[in-house]
C-alpha cells in the first residue's frame, strides 16, 4: 500500500516538473505551454467505448499519459526552424508522438537524437544493444514550416506509467 502511494507521489512530481519546465523552443517571440492528460475509456450514449483524454492530476501504474505542447508565435515576424524538446520522465515508457511537426526524433542520453531504430544502449554486460521505447528519455520535434505571427503548432507524445 505504501509503495503505491509513493508511486502516485512520484508521478505527481513528474507531472508538475513537466508542466513547470516548458519545452525548449528557439529564442524569439514564442509562447510554449505544456499540459498533461491521461487517456481513459468511457462509454458514449450508444454504449460504445471511446478513448478520451482528461486532465491528469493523478494517475496509476498502467495509465496512458499524453503530454501536449502548444507553441504560439506571439511575435510580428515568422518563426523559422522551430525546435521543441521535451523530456520523458523516468516513471514513463514512451509510446509514440504526433502533431504538427514531423515525427519526433528521440534520445536515450540527451545528446544523440535519431529515430529509435538507429539508437543503441549499453547492456549490463557492457555490450551495445538496440534501444527500446523504454530507453527513450528525450524527444525533439522540428517544425518543417514557418510559424506565422499568431499561428499555433501542437506536438504531443503518449507514454505508459510504469
C-alpha atoms as a PDB file:
ATOM      1  CA  UNK A   1       0.000   0.000   0.000  1.00  0.00           C
ATOM      2  CA  UNK A   2       2.814   2.425   0.938  1.00  0.00           C
ATOM      3  CA  UNK A   3       4.658   1.634  -2.325  1.00  0.00           C
ATOM      4  CA  UNK A   4       1.574   2.546  -4.388  1.00  0.00           C
ATOM      5  CA  UNK A   5       1.273   5.856  -2.531  1.00  0.00           C
ATOM      6  CA  UNK A   6       4.940   6.609  -3.265  1.00  0.00           C
ATOM      7  CA  UNK A   7       4.399   5.864  -6.983  1.00  0.00           C
ATOM      8  CA  UNK A   8       1.476   8.284  -7.086  1.00  0.00           C
ATOM      9  CA  UNK A   9       3.567  10.975  -5.376  1.00  0.00           C
ATOM     10  CA  UNK A  10       6.432  10.354  -7.820  1.00  0.00           C
ATOM     11  CA  UNK A  11       4.052  10.700 -10.768  1.00  0.00           C
ATOM     12  CA  UNK A  12       2.577  13.894  -9.343  1.00  0.00           C
ATOM     13  CA  UNK A  13       6.117  15.285  -9.024  1.00  0.00           C
ATOM     14  CA  UNK A  14       6.917  14.241 -12.612  1.00  0.00           C
ATOM     15  CA  UNK A  15       3.740  15.858 -13.919  1.00  0.00           C
ATOM     16  CA  UNK A  16       4.432  19.096 -12.046  1.00  0.00           C
ATOM     17  CA  UNK A  17       8.034  19.083 -13.319  1.00  0.00           C
ATOM     18  CA  UNK A  18       6.890  18.506 -16.903  1.00  0.00           C
ATOM     19  CA  UNK A  19       4.422  21.391 -16.686  1.00  0.00           C
ATOM     20  CA  UNK A  20       6.850  23.684 -14.849  1.00  0.00           C
ATOM     21  CA  UNK A  21       9.677  23.039 -17.331  1.00  0.00           C
ATOM     22  CA  UNK A  22       8.347  24.216 -20.675  1.00  0.00           C
ATOM     23  CA  UNK A  23       9.690  22.682 -23.830  1.00  0.00           C
ATOM     24  CA  UNK A  24      12.685  24.408 -25.379  1.00  0.00           C
ATOM     25  CA  UNK A  25      11.895  26.374 -28.489  1.00  0.00           C
ATOM     26  CA  UNK A  26      14.017  28.796 -30.453  1.00  0.00           C
ATOM     27  CA  UNK A  27      14.638  32.226 -28.972  1.00  0.00           C
ATOM     28  CA  UNK A  28      12.163  34.844 -30.061  1.00  0.00           C
ATOM     29  CA  UNK A  29       8.533  35.583 -29.596  1.00  0.00           C
ATOM     30  CA  UNK A  30       7.192  32.112 -28.919  1.00  0.00           C
ATOM     31  CA  UNK A  31       4.829  31.159 -26.132  1.00  0.00           C
ATOM     32  CA  UNK A  32       5.279  27.499 -25.138  1.00  0.00           C
ATOM     33  CA  UNK A  33       2.744  25.685 -22.958  1.00  0.00           C
ATOM     34  CA  UNK A  34       2.841  22.050 -21.822  1.00  0.00           C
ATOM     35  CA  UNK A  35      -0.131  20.117 -20.452  1.00  0.00           C
ATOM     36  CA  UNK A  36      -0.507  16.580 -19.116  1.00  0.00           C
ATOM     37  CA  UNK A  37      -3.535  14.348 -19.671  1.00  0.00           C
ATOM     38  CA  UNK A  38      -4.403  10.720 -19.155  1.00  0.00           C
ATOM     39  CA  UNK A  39      -6.357   8.632 -21.590  1.00  0.00           C
ATOM     40  CA  UNK A  40      -9.492   6.983 -20.244  1.00  0.00           C
ATOM     41  CA  UNK A  41     -12.117   4.759 -21.812  1.00  0.00           C
ATOM     42  CA  UNK A  42     -15.726   5.944 -21.494  1.00  0.00           C
ATOM     43  CA  UNK A  43     -18.939   4.645 -22.991  1.00  0.00           C
ATOM     44  CA  UNK A  44     -20.788   7.018 -25.307  1.00  0.00           C
ATOM     45  CA  UNK A  45     -24.580   7.353 -25.454  1.00  0.00           C
ATOM     46  CA  UNK A  46     -24.819   4.191 -27.578  1.00  0.00           C
ATOM     47  CA  UNK A  47     -22.679   2.137 -25.175  1.00  0.00           C
ATOM     48  CA  UNK A  48     -19.575   2.052 -27.368  1.00  0.00           C
ATOM     49  CA  UNK A  49     -16.220   2.520 -25.596  1.00  0.00           C
ATOM     50  CA  UNK A  50     -14.431   5.694 -26.696  1.00  0.00           C
ATOM     51  CA  UNK A  51     -10.934   6.907 -25.767  1.00  0.00           C
ATOM     52  CA  UNK A  52     -10.956  10.345 -24.154  1.00  0.00           C
ATOM     53  CA  UNK A  53      -8.208  12.496 -22.657  1.00  0.00           C
ATOM     54  CA  UNK A  54      -8.793  14.181 -19.307  1.00  0.00           C
ATOM     55  CA  UNK A  55      -6.523  16.331 -17.098  1.00  0.00           C
ATOM     56  CA  UNK A  56      -4.136  14.113 -15.112  1.00  0.00           C
ATOM     57  CA  UNK A  57      -3.568  15.420 -11.588  1.00  0.00           C
ATOM     58  CA  UNK A  58      -3.368  11.757 -10.523  1.00  0.00           C
ATOM     59  CA  UNK A  59      -2.603   8.535 -12.363  1.00  0.00           C
ATOM     60  CA  UNK A  60      -1.944   4.899 -11.558  1.00  0.00           C
ATOM     61  CA  UNK A  61       0.531   2.375 -12.975  1.00  0.00           C
ATOM     62  CA  UNK A  62      -0.645   1.208 -16.386  1.00  0.00           C
ATOM     63  CA  UNK A  63      -2.370   4.511 -17.243  1.00  0.00           C
ATOM     64  CA  UNK A  64      -1.740   6.036 -20.668  1.00  0.00           C
ATOM     65  CA  UNK A  65      -0.402   9.573 -20.234  1.00  0.00           C
ATOM     66  CA  UNK A  66      -0.499  12.193 -23.010  1.00  0.00           C
ATOM     67  CA  UNK A  67       1.806  15.236 -22.955  1.00  0.00           C
ATOM     68  CA  UNK A  68       0.682  18.112 -25.202  1.00  0.00           C
ATOM     69  CA  UNK A  69       2.980  21.040 -26.008  1.00  0.00           C
ATOM     70  CA  UNK A  70       1.499  24.076 -27.745  1.00  0.00           C
ATOM     71  CA  UNK A  71       3.720  26.681 -29.397  1.00  0.00           C
ATOM     72  CA  UNK A  72       2.278  30.059 -30.403  1.00  0.00           C
ATOM     73  CA  UNK A  73       4.126  32.719 -32.352  1.00  0.00           C
ATOM     74  CA  UNK A  74       3.294  35.875 -30.397  1.00  0.00           C
ATOM     75  CA  UNK A  75       5.753  37.998 -32.390  1.00  0.00           C
ATOM     76  CA  UNK A  76       5.329  40.060 -35.527  1.00  0.00           C
ATOM     77  CA  UNK A  77       7.678  38.026 -37.743  1.00  0.00           C
ATOM     78  CA  UNK A  78       7.535  34.400 -38.867  1.00  0.00           C
ATOM     79  CA  UNK A  79       9.451  31.896 -36.717  1.00  0.00           C
ATOM     80  CA  UNK A  80      11.638  29.590 -38.797  1.00  0.00           C
ATOM     81  CA  UNK A  81      13.412  26.368 -37.804  1.00  0.00           C
ATOM     82  CA  UNK A  82      11.433  25.961 -34.578  1.00  0.00           C
ATOM     83  CA  UNK A  83      12.754  23.078 -32.465  1.00  0.00           C
ATOM     84  CA  UNK A  84      10.831  21.697 -29.474  1.00  0.00           C
ATOM     85  CA  UNK A  85      12.500  19.433 -26.912  1.00  0.00           C
ATOM     86  CA  UNK A  86      10.565  17.511 -24.251  1.00  0.00           C
ATOM     87  CA  UNK A  87      11.912  15.246 -21.516  1.00  0.00           C
ATOM     88  CA  UNK A  88      10.208  11.923 -20.816  1.00  0.00           C
ATOM     89  CA  UNK A  89      10.013  11.487 -17.011  1.00  0.00           C
ATOM     90  CA  UNK A  90      11.650   8.256 -15.760  1.00  0.00           C
ATOM     91  CA  UNK A  91       8.305   6.924 -14.469  1.00  0.00           C
ATOM     92  CA  UNK A  92       7.022   6.739 -18.048  1.00  0.00           C
ATOM     93  CA  UNK A  93       7.633   4.472 -21.048  1.00  0.00           C
ATOM     94  CA  UNK A  94       7.465   6.371 -24.347  1.00  0.00           C
ATOM     95  CA  UNK A  95       4.767   5.046 -26.702  1.00  0.00           C
ATOM     96  CA  UNK A  96       4.791   7.435 -29.674  1.00  0.00           C
ATOM     97  CA  UNK A  97       4.391  11.023 -30.837  1.00  0.00           C
ATOM     98  CA  UNK A  98       2.243  13.048 -33.187  1.00  0.00           C
ATOM     99  CA  UNK A  99       1.359  16.618 -34.047  1.00  0.00           C
ATOM    100  CA  UNK A 100       2.056  19.499 -36.410  1.00  0.00           C
ATOM    101  CA  UNK A 101       5.760  18.670 -36.779  1.00  0.00           C
ATOM    102  CA  UNK A 102       7.298  15.703 -38.491  1.00  0.00           C
ATOM    103  CA  UNK A 103       7.665  12.647 -36.245  1.00  0.00           C
ATOM    104  CA  UNK A 104       9.786  13.333 -33.168  1.00  0.00           C
ATOM    105  CA  UNK A 105      13.302  12.053 -33.072  1.00  0.00           C
ATOM    106  CA  UNK A 106      14.303  10.568 -29.740  1.00  0.00           C
ATOM    107  CA  UNK A 107      17.310  10.337 -27.456  1.00  0.00           C
ATOM    108  CA  UNK A 108      18.332   7.827 -24.807  1.00  0.00           C
ATOM    109  CA  UNK A 109      21.154  10.017 -23.450  1.00  0.00           C
ATOM    110  CA  UNK A 110      20.074  13.634 -24.081  1.00  0.00           C
ATOM    111  CA  UNK A 111      22.929  14.134 -26.581  1.00  0.00           C
ATOM    112  CA  UNK A 112      22.301  11.962 -29.635  1.00  0.00           C
ATOM    113  CA  UNK A 113      18.907  12.272 -31.373  1.00  0.00           C
ATOM    114  CA  UNK A 114      17.687   9.955 -34.130  1.00  0.00           C
ATOM    115  CA  UNK A 115      14.855   7.575 -34.967  1.00  0.00           C
ATOM    116  CA  UNK A 116      14.592   4.899 -32.288  1.00  0.00           C
ATOM    117  CA  UNK A 117      15.609   2.048 -34.593  1.00  0.00           C
ATOM    118  CA  UNK A 118      19.057   3.638 -35.082  1.00  0.00           C
ATOM    119  CA  UNK A 119      19.859   4.192 -31.389  1.00  0.00           C
ATOM    120  CA  UNK A 120      21.674   1.841 -29.044  1.00  0.00           C
ATOM    121  CA  UNK A 121      22.141   1.500 -25.308  1.00  0.00           C
ATOM    122  CA  UNK A 122      24.638  -0.434 -23.239  1.00  0.00           C
ATOM    123  CA  UNK A 123      23.558  -3.798 -21.810  1.00  0.00           C
ATOM    124  CA  UNK A 124      24.501  -4.921 -18.289  1.00  0.00           C
ATOM    125  CA  UNK A 125      27.426  -6.913 -19.725  1.00  0.00           C
ATOM    126  CA  UNK A 126      28.815  -3.784 -21.434  1.00  0.00           C
ATOM    127  CA  UNK A 127      27.786  -4.733 -24.960  1.00  0.00           C
ATOM    128  CA  UNK A 128      25.722  -2.500 -27.240  1.00  0.00           C
ATOM    129  CA  UNK A 129      22.075  -3.388 -27.732  1.00  0.00           C
ATOM    130  CA  UNK A 130      19.255  -1.790 -29.755  1.00  0.00           C
ATOM    131  CA  UNK A 131      17.395   0.888 -27.807  1.00  0.00           C
ATOM    132  CA  UNK A 132      13.731   0.272 -26.984  1.00  0.00           C
ATOM    133  CA  UNK A 133      10.897   2.681 -26.244  1.00  0.00           C
ATOM    134  CA  UNK A 134      11.586   2.138 -22.511  1.00  0.00           C
ATOM    135  CA  UNK A 135      15.056   3.682 -23.062  1.00  0.00           C
ATOM    136  CA  UNK A 136      13.718   6.964 -24.520  1.00  0.00           C
ATOM    137  CA  UNK A 137      14.276   9.927 -22.179  1.00  0.00           C
ATOM    138  CA  UNK A 138      14.026  12.906 -24.553  1.00  0.00           C
ATOM    139  CA  UNK A 139      12.049  13.914 -27.652  1.00  0.00           C
ATOM    140  CA  UNK A 140      12.778  16.555 -30.293  1.00  0.00           C
ATOM    141  CA  UNK A 141      10.424  17.910 -32.937  1.00  0.00           C
ATOM    142  CA  UNK A 142      11.366  20.307 -35.734  1.00  0.00           C
ATOM    143  CA  UNK A 143       8.604  22.275 -37.420  1.00  0.00           C
ATOM    144  CA  UNK A 144       9.069  21.816 -41.150  1.00  0.00           C
ATOM    145  CA  UNK A 145       7.383  25.109 -41.951  1.00  0.00           C
ATOM    146  CA  UNK A 146       7.499  28.755 -40.912  1.00  0.00           C
ATOM    147  CA  UNK A 147       5.264  29.559 -37.925  1.00  0.00           C
ATOM    148  CA  UNK A 148       3.492  32.785 -38.917  1.00  0.00           C
ATOM    149  CA  UNK A 149       2.594  35.503 -36.385  1.00  0.00           C
ATOM    150  CA  UNK A 150      -0.428  34.357 -34.357  1.00  0.00           C
ATOM    151  CA  UNK A 151      -0.134  30.801 -35.646  1.00  0.00           C
ATOM    152  CA  UNK A 152      -0.172  27.848 -33.229  1.00  0.00           C
ATOM    153  CA  UNK A 153       1.530  24.455 -33.549  1.00  0.00           C
ATOM    154  CA  UNK A 154       0.916  21.450 -31.303  1.00  0.00           C
ATOM    155  CA  UNK A 155       3.062  18.384 -30.677  1.00  0.00           C
ATOM    156  CA  UNK A 156       2.245  15.506 -28.344  1.00  0.00           C
ATOM    157  CA  UNK A 157       3.534  12.241 -27.077  1.00  0.00           C
ATOM    158  CA  UNK A 158       1.924   9.276 -25.363  1.00  0.00           C
ATOM    159  CA  UNK A 159       3.586   7.291 -22.607  1.00  0.00           C
ATOM    160  CA  UNK A 160       2.660   4.493 -20.223  1.00  0.00           C
ATOM    161  CA  UNK A 161       3.030   4.981 -16.469  1.00  0.00           C
ATOM    162  CA  UNK A 162       5.281   2.231 -15.059  1.00  0.00           C
END
